[in-house]
PDB file of N, CA and C in Angstrom:
ATOM      1  N   MET A   1       1.164  -1.085  -0.085  1.00  0.00           N
ATOM      2  CA  MET A   1       0.085  -0.177   0.164  1.00  0.00           C
ATOM      3  C   MET A   1       0.537   0.789  -0.365  1.00  0.00           C
ATOM      4  N   ALA A   2       0.723   1.376  -0.592  1.00  0.00           N
ATOM      5  CA  ALA A   2       1.272   3.123  -1.679  1.00  0.00           C
ATOM      6  C   ALA A   2       0.914   4.320  -0.594  1.00  0.00           C
ATOM      7  N   GLU A   3       2.501   5.236   0.008  1.00  0.00           N
ATOM      8  CA  GLU A   3       0.988   6.257   0.637  1.00  0.00           C
ATOM      9  C   GLU A   3       0.486   7.371   0.276  1.00  0.00           C
ATOM     10  N   THR A   4       1.002   7.565  -1.041  1.00  0.00           N
ATOM     11  CA  THR A   4       0.221   8.506  -2.036  1.00  0.00           C
ATOM     12  C   THR A   4      -0.910   7.797  -2.749  1.00  0.00           C
ATOM     13  N   ASP A   5      -1.175   6.649  -2.164  1.00  0.00           N
ATOM     14  CA  ASP A   5      -2.407   6.119  -2.804  1.00  0.00           C
ATOM     15  C   ASP A   5      -3.725   6.610  -2.963  1.00  0.00           C
ATOM     16  N   GLU A   6      -4.296   7.478  -3.817  1.00  0.00           N
ATOM     17  CA  GLU A   6      -5.730   8.341  -3.911  1.00  0.00           C
ATOM     18  C   GLU A   6      -6.860   7.781  -2.908  1.00  0.00           C
ATOM     19  N   PHE A   7      -6.560   6.331  -3.274  1.00  0.00           N
ATOM     20  CA  PHE A   7      -7.677   5.280  -3.211  1.00  0.00           C
ATOM     21  C   PHE A   7      -7.377   4.451  -2.180  1.00  0.00           C
ATOM     22  N   TRP A   8      -8.297   3.436  -1.299  1.00  0.00           N
ATOM     23  CA  TRP A   8      -7.235   2.428  -1.041  1.00  0.00           C
ATOM     24  C   TRP A   8      -8.384   1.822  -1.266  1.00  0.00           C
ATOM     25  N   THR A   9      -8.361   0.394  -1.597  1.00  0.00           N
ATOM     26  CA  THR A   9      -9.730  -1.231  -0.981  1.00  0.00           C
ATOM     27  C   THR A   9      -9.717  -1.706  -0.276  1.00  0.00           C
ATOM     28  N   ALA A  10     -10.389  -2.099  -0.639  1.00  0.00           N
ATOM     29  CA  ALA A  10     -11.406  -2.571   1.159  1.00  0.00           C
ATOM     30  C   ALA A  10      -9.803  -3.501   1.708  1.00  0.00           C
ATOM     31  N   GLU A  11      -9.419  -4.517   1.017  1.00  0.00           N
ATOM     32  CA  GLU A  11      -7.994  -5.413   1.798  1.00  0.00           C
ATOM     33  C   GLU A  11      -7.204  -4.772   2.447  1.00  0.00           C
ATOM     34  N   GLU A  12      -6.612  -2.821   1.727  1.00  0.00           N
ATOM     35  CA  GLU A  12      -5.996  -2.092   2.501  1.00  0.00           C
ATOM     36  C   GLU A  12      -6.337  -1.293   3.523  1.00  0.00           C
ATOM     37  N   VAL A  13      -7.640  -1.116   3.992  1.00  0.00           N
ATOM     38  CA  VAL A  13      -8.282  -0.001   4.849  1.00  0.00           C
ATOM     39  C   VAL A  13      -8.145  -1.209   5.938  1.00  0.00           C
ATOM     40  N   SER A  14      -8.691  -2.359   5.693  1.00  0.00           N
ATOM     41  CA  SER A  14      -8.916  -3.586   6.651  1.00  0.00           C
ATOM     42  C   SER A  14      -7.777  -3.420   6.963  1.00  0.00           C
ATOM     43  N   ASN A  15      -6.866  -4.005   6.776  1.00  0.00           N
ATOM     44  CA  ASN A  15      -4.642  -4.038   6.495  1.00  0.00           C
ATOM     45  C   ASN A  15      -4.259  -2.456   7.452  1.00  0.00           C
ATOM     46  N   TYR A  16      -4.641  -1.605   7.144  1.00  0.00           N
ATOM     47  CA  TYR A  16      -4.765  -0.666   7.366  1.00  0.00           C
ATOM     48  C   TYR A  16      -4.675  -0.538   9.533  1.00  0.00           C
ATOM     49  N   LEU A  17      -6.296  -0.677   9.112  1.00  0.00           N
ATOM     50  CA  LEU A  17      -7.081  -0.806  10.881  1.00  0.00           C
ATOM     51  C   LEU A  17      -7.132  -2.092  11.725  1.00  0.00           C
ATOM     52  N   ARG A  18      -6.261  -3.470  11.136  1.00  0.00           N
ATOM     53  CA  ARG A  18      -5.636  -3.840  11.409  1.00  0.00           C
ATOM     54  C   ARG A  18      -7.476  -4.941  11.739  1.00  0.00           C
ATOM     55  N   ILE A  19      -8.603  -4.802  10.876  1.00  0.00           N
ATOM     56  CA  ILE A  19      -9.784  -5.659  11.295  1.00  0.00           C
ATOM     57  C   ILE A  19     -10.051  -6.345  10.527  1.00  0.00           C
ATOM     58  N   PRO A  20     -10.880  -7.235  10.234  1.00  0.00           N
ATOM     59  CA  PRO A  20     -10.939  -8.515   8.612  1.00  0.00           C
ATOM     60  C   PRO A  20     -11.771  -7.474   7.620  1.00  0.00           C
ATOM     61  N   GLN A  21     -12.067  -7.793   6.892  1.00  0.00           N
ATOM     62  CA  GLN A  21     -11.864  -7.705   5.428  1.00  0.00           C
ATOM     63  C   GLN A  21     -13.988  -7.907   5.154  1.00  0.00           C
ATOM     64  N   SER A  22     -13.747  -8.717   6.396  1.00  0.00           N
ATOM     65  CA  SER A  22     -15.017  -8.790   6.084  1.00  0.00           C
ATOM     66  C   SER A  22     -16.104  -8.179   7.324  1.00  0.00           C
ATOM     67  N   THR A  23     -15.501  -6.854   8.545  1.00  0.00           N
ATOM     68  CA  THR A  23     -16.260  -6.239   8.635  1.00  0.00           C
ATOM     69  C   THR A  23     -16.283  -5.440   8.246  1.00  0.00           C
ATOM     70  N   ILE A  24     -15.277  -4.622   6.953  1.00  0.00           N
ATOM     71  CA  ILE A  24     -14.901  -3.088   6.482  1.00  0.00           C
ATOM     72  C   ILE A  24     -16.077  -3.279   5.471  1.00  0.00           C
ATOM     73  N   TYR A  25     -16.584  -4.419   4.920  1.00  0.00           N
ATOM     74  CA  TYR A  25     -17.845  -4.744   4.345  1.00  0.00           C
ATOM     75  C   TYR A  25     -18.715  -3.978   4.834  1.00  0.00           C
ATOM     76  N   LYS A  26     -19.255  -4.723   6.122  1.00  0.00           N
ATOM     77  CA  LYS A  26     -20.432  -4.289   6.674  1.00  0.00           C
ATOM     78  C   LYS A  26     -20.395  -2.499   7.459  1.00  0.00           C
ATOM     79  N   LEU A  27     -19.354  -2.617   7.408  1.00  0.00           N
ATOM     80  CA  LEU A  27     -19.353  -0.556   7.991  1.00  0.00           C
ATOM     81  C   LEU A  27     -19.587  -0.179   6.607  1.00  0.00           C
ATOM     82  N   ALA A  28     -18.947  -0.614   5.486  1.00  0.00           N
ATOM     83  CA  ALA A  28     -18.882   0.383   4.376  1.00  0.00           C
ATOM     84  C   ALA A  28     -20.658   0.364   3.715  1.00  0.00           C
ATOM     85  N   GLN A  29     -21.501  -0.640   3.968  1.00  0.00           N
ATOM     86  CA  GLN A  29     -22.406  -1.155   3.531  1.00  0.00           C
ATOM     87  C   GLN A  29     -23.840  -0.695   5.062  1.00  0.00           C
ATOM     88  N   ASP A  30     -23.391  -0.560   5.844  1.00  0.00           N
ATOM     89  CA  ASP A  30     -23.945   0.752   6.741  1.00  0.00           C
ATOM     90  C   ASP A  30     -23.852   1.790   7.278  1.00  0.00           C
ATOM     91  N   LYS A  31     -22.763   2.513   6.226  1.00  0.00           N
ATOM     92  CA  LYS A  31     -22.738   3.744   6.103  1.00  0.00           C
ATOM     93  C   LYS A  31     -22.532   3.920   7.719  1.00  0.00           C
ATOM     94  N   VAL A  32     -21.362   2.936   8.523  1.00  0.00           N
ATOM     95  CA  VAL A  32     -20.271   3.872   8.965  1.00  0.00           C
ATOM     96  C   VAL A  32     -19.086   3.897   8.482  1.00  0.00           C
ATOM     97  N   LEU A  33     -18.740   2.950   8.145  1.00  0.00           N
ATOM     98  CA  LEU A  33     -17.522   3.646   7.408  1.00  0.00           C
ATOM     99  C   LEU A  33     -17.637   4.113   5.915  1.00  0.00           C
ATOM    100  N   PRO A  34     -16.778   5.420   5.975  1.00  0.00           N
ATOM    101  CA  PRO A  34     -17.605   6.242   4.661  1.00  0.00           C
ATOM    102  C   PRO A  34     -16.971   5.588   3.243  1.00  0.00           C
ATOM    103  N   GLY A  35     -17.386   5.036   2.288  1.00  0.00           N
ATOM    104  CA  GLY A  35     -16.632   4.803   1.234  1.00  0.00           C
ATOM    105  C   GLY A  35     -17.897   4.429   0.037  1.00  0.00           C
ATOM    106  N   PHE A  36     -17.489   4.189  -1.182  1.00  0.00           N
ATOM    107  CA  PHE A  36     -18.252   3.644  -2.498  1.00  0.00           C
ATOM    108  C   PHE A  36     -18.296   3.026  -3.296  1.00  0.00           C
ATOM    109  N   LYS A  37     -19.240   2.285  -4.134  1.00  0.00           N
ATOM    110  CA  LYS A  37     -18.675   1.354  -5.366  1.00  0.00           C
ATOM    111  C   LYS A  37     -18.510   1.890  -6.526  1.00  0.00           C
ATOM    112  N   VAL A  38     -17.565   1.012  -6.869  1.00  0.00           N
ATOM    113  CA  VAL A  38     -17.554   1.116  -8.566  1.00  0.00           C
ATOM    114  C   VAL A  38     -17.733  -0.494  -9.350  1.00  0.00           C
ATOM    115  N   GLY A  39     -18.660  -0.919  -9.439  1.00  0.00           N
ATOM    116  CA  GLY A  39     -18.992  -1.608  -9.531  1.00  0.00           C
ATOM    117  C   GLY A  39     -19.395  -2.357  -8.516  1.00  0.00           C
ATOM    118  N   LYS A  40     -18.859  -3.815  -8.469  1.00  0.00           N
ATOM    119  CA  LYS A  40     -18.773  -4.344  -7.567  1.00  0.00           C
ATOM    120  C   LYS A  40     -18.235  -4.061  -6.108  1.00  0.00           C
ATOM    121  N   HIS A  41     -16.412  -3.425  -6.315  1.00  0.00           N
ATOM    122  CA  HIS A  41     -15.936  -3.465  -5.484  1.00  0.00           C
ATOM    123  C   HIS A  41     -15.971  -2.153  -5.495  1.00  0.00           C
ATOM    124  N   TRP A  42     -15.765  -1.871  -3.199  1.00  0.00           N
ATOM    125  CA  TRP A  42     -15.859  -0.920  -2.616  1.00  0.00           C
ATOM    126  C   TRP A  42     -14.241   0.185  -3.026  1.00  0.00           C
ATOM    127  N   ARG A  43     -14.492   1.434  -2.985  1.00  0.00           N
ATOM    128  CA  ARG A  43     -13.674   2.264  -2.544  1.00  0.00           C
ATOM    129  C   ARG A  43     -13.875   2.802  -1.847  1.00  0.00           C
ATOM    130  N   PHE A  44     -12.019   3.401  -1.027  1.00  0.00           N
ATOM    131  CA  PHE A  44     -12.373   4.719   0.379  1.00  0.00           C
ATOM    132  C   PHE A  44     -11.156   5.402  -0.043  1.00  0.00           C
ATOM    133  N   ARG A  45     -11.554   7.010   0.867  1.00  0.00           N
ATOM    134  CA  ARG A  45     -10.655   7.603  -0.561  1.00  0.00           C
ATOM    135  C   ARG A  45      -9.013   7.807   1.355  1.00  0.00           C
ATOM    136  N   ARG A  46      -8.149   7.327   0.756  1.00  0.00           N
ATOM    137  CA  ARG A  46      -7.263   7.530   1.727  1.00  0.00           C
ATOM    138  C   ARG A  46      -7.798   8.593   3.429  1.00  0.00           C
ATOM    139  N   GLU A  47      -7.764   9.956   2.366  1.00  0.00           N
ATOM    140  CA  GLU A  47      -7.485  11.138   3.289  1.00  0.00           C
ATOM    141  C   GLU A  47      -8.713  10.914   3.545  1.00  0.00           C
ATOM    142  N   THR A  48     -10.544  10.546   3.800  1.00  0.00           N
ATOM    143  CA  THR A  48     -11.146  10.683   4.043  1.00  0.00           C
ATOM    144  C   THR A  48     -10.925   9.657   5.449  1.00  0.00           C
ATOM    145  N   ILE A  49     -10.941   8.160   4.611  1.00  0.00           N
ATOM    146  CA  ILE A  49     -10.268   7.138   6.687  1.00  0.00           C
ATOM    147  C   ILE A  49      -9.751   7.802   7.128  1.00  0.00           C
ATOM    148  N   LEU A  50      -8.161   8.386   6.547  1.00  0.00           N
ATOM    149  CA  LEU A  50      -8.199   9.360   8.073  1.00  0.00           C
ATOM    150  C   LEU A  50      -8.407   9.523   8.965  1.00  0.00           C
ATOM    151  N   LYS A  51      -9.318  11.426   8.472  1.00  0.00           N
ATOM    152  CA  LYS A  51      -9.950  12.094   9.127  1.00  0.00           C
ATOM    153  C   LYS A  51     -10.978  11.123  10.257  1.00  0.00           C
ATOM    154  N   TRP A  52     -11.912   9.844   9.555  1.00  0.00           N
ATOM    155  CA  TRP A  52     -13.252   8.883  10.141  1.00  0.00           C
ATOM    156  C   TRP A  52     -12.737   8.268  11.333  1.00  0.00           C
ATOM    157  N   VAL A  53     -11.026   7.994  11.425  1.00  0.00           N
ATOM    158  CA  VAL A  53     -10.236   7.548  12.237  1.00  0.00           C
ATOM    159  C   VAL A  53     -10.408   8.551  14.004  1.00  0.00           C
ATOM    160  N   LYS A  54     -10.114   9.979  13.196  1.00  0.00           N
ATOM    161  CA  LYS A  54      -9.292  10.469  13.824  1.00  0.00           C
ATOM    162  C   LYS A  54     -10.452  11.405  14.855  1.00  0.00           C
ATOM    163  N   GLU A  55     -11.606  11.042  13.983  1.00  0.00           N
ATOM    164  CA  GLU A  55     -12.838  11.607  14.580  1.00  0.00           C
ATOM    165  C   GLU A  55     -13.182  10.565  15.561  1.00  0.00           C
ATOM    166  N   LYS A  56     -12.861   9.291  15.252  1.00  0.00           N
ATOM    167  CA  LYS A  56     -13.441   8.100  16.143  1.00  0.00           C
ATOM    168  C   LYS A  56     -12.986   8.231  17.292  1.00  0.00           C
ATOM    169  N   GLU A  57     -11.492   9.355  17.256  1.00  0.00           N
ATOM    170  CA  GLU A  57     -10.110   9.257  18.350  1.00  0.00           C
ATOM    171  C   GLU A  57     -10.988  11.121  18.998  1.00  0.00           C
ATOM    172  N   ASN A  58     -10.831  11.013  18.747  1.00  0.00           N
ATOM    173  CA  ASN A  58     -11.224  12.607  19.148  1.00  0.00           C
ATOM    174  C   ASN A  58     -12.977  12.497  19.020  1.00  0.00           C
ATOM    175  N   PRO A  59     -13.067  12.048  19.911  1.00  0.00           N
ATOM    176  CA  PRO A  59     -15.100  12.643  19.704  1.00  0.00           C
ATOM    177  C   PRO A  59     -15.254  13.687  19.791  1.00  0.00           C
ATOM    178  N   VAL A  60     -16.536  14.516  18.972  1.00  0.00           N
ATOM    179  CA  VAL A  60     -17.137  15.842  19.567  1.00  0.00           C
ATOM    180  C   VAL A  60     -17.867  15.459  21.008  1.00  0.00           C
ATOM    181  N   HIS A  61     -18.409  15.335  21.531  1.00  0.00           N
ATOM    182  CA  HIS A  61     -19.594  14.822  22.665  1.00  0.00           C
ATOM    183  C   HIS A  61     -17.955  13.446  23.639  1.00  0.00           C
ATOM    184  N   GLN A  62     -17.531  14.087  23.915  1.00  0.00           N
ATOM    185  CA  GLN A  62     -16.506  13.012  25.609  1.00  0.00           C
ATOM    186  C   GLN A  62     -17.393  12.873  26.843  1.00  0.00           C
ATOM    187  N   ASN A  63     -18.951  13.943  26.635  1.00  0.00           N
ATOM    188  CA  ASN A  63     -20.127  13.737  27.749  1.00  0.00           C
ATOM    189  C   ASN A  63     -19.979  11.735  28.398  1.00  0.00           C
ATOM    190  N   ASN A  64     -19.598  11.015  27.112  1.00  0.00           N
ATOM    191  CA  ASN A  64     -19.808   9.675  27.381  1.00  0.00           C
ATOM    192  C   ASN A  64     -18.945   8.426  28.478  1.00  0.00           C
ATOM    193  N   ASN A  65     -17.729   9.631  28.962  1.00  0.00           N
ATOM    194  CA  ASN A  65     -16.902   8.719  29.664  1.00  0.00           C
ATOM    195  C   ASN A  65     -17.541   8.266  31.143  1.00  0.00           C
ATOM    196  N   ILE A  66     -17.647   6.635  30.998  1.00  0.00           N
ATOM    197  CA  ILE A  66     -18.878   6.347  32.015  1.00  0.00           C
ATOM    198  C   ILE A  66     -17.484   7.101  33.438  1.00  0.00           C
ATOM    199  N   MET A  67     -16.414   7.339  33.320  1.00  0.00           N
ATOM    200  CA  MET A  67     -15.904   7.108  34.716  1.00  0.00           C
ATOM    201  C   MET A  67     -16.208   8.386  35.009  1.00  0.00           C
ATOM    202  N   ASP A  68     -16.172   9.199  33.940  1.00  0.00           N
ATOM    203  CA  ASP A  68     -17.135  10.823  34.517  1.00  0.00           C
ATOM    204  C   ASP A  68     -18.210  10.935  35.294  1.00  0.00           C
ATOM    205  N   LYS A  69     -18.955   9.846  35.738  1.00  0.00           N
ATOM    206  CA  LYS A  69     -20.773   9.285  36.268  1.00  0.00           C
ATOM    207  C   LYS A  69     -20.431   8.884  37.282  1.00  0.00           C
TER     208      LYS A  69
END
């Protein structure tokens, strides 16, 4: 997976996130993971995936922290 690739395949996203490829497909189908289909193949914009990960790491509303309750 080259760092300059604009689009990633489901396999590349799976390797990056270290989760099963089947989970990538499920998350994409459920519109949880941002991606789109080209024919039968899912594609993911590299920058969008990196942004999605950062958003998941730093939620906007951090009031759900169980330790604060």
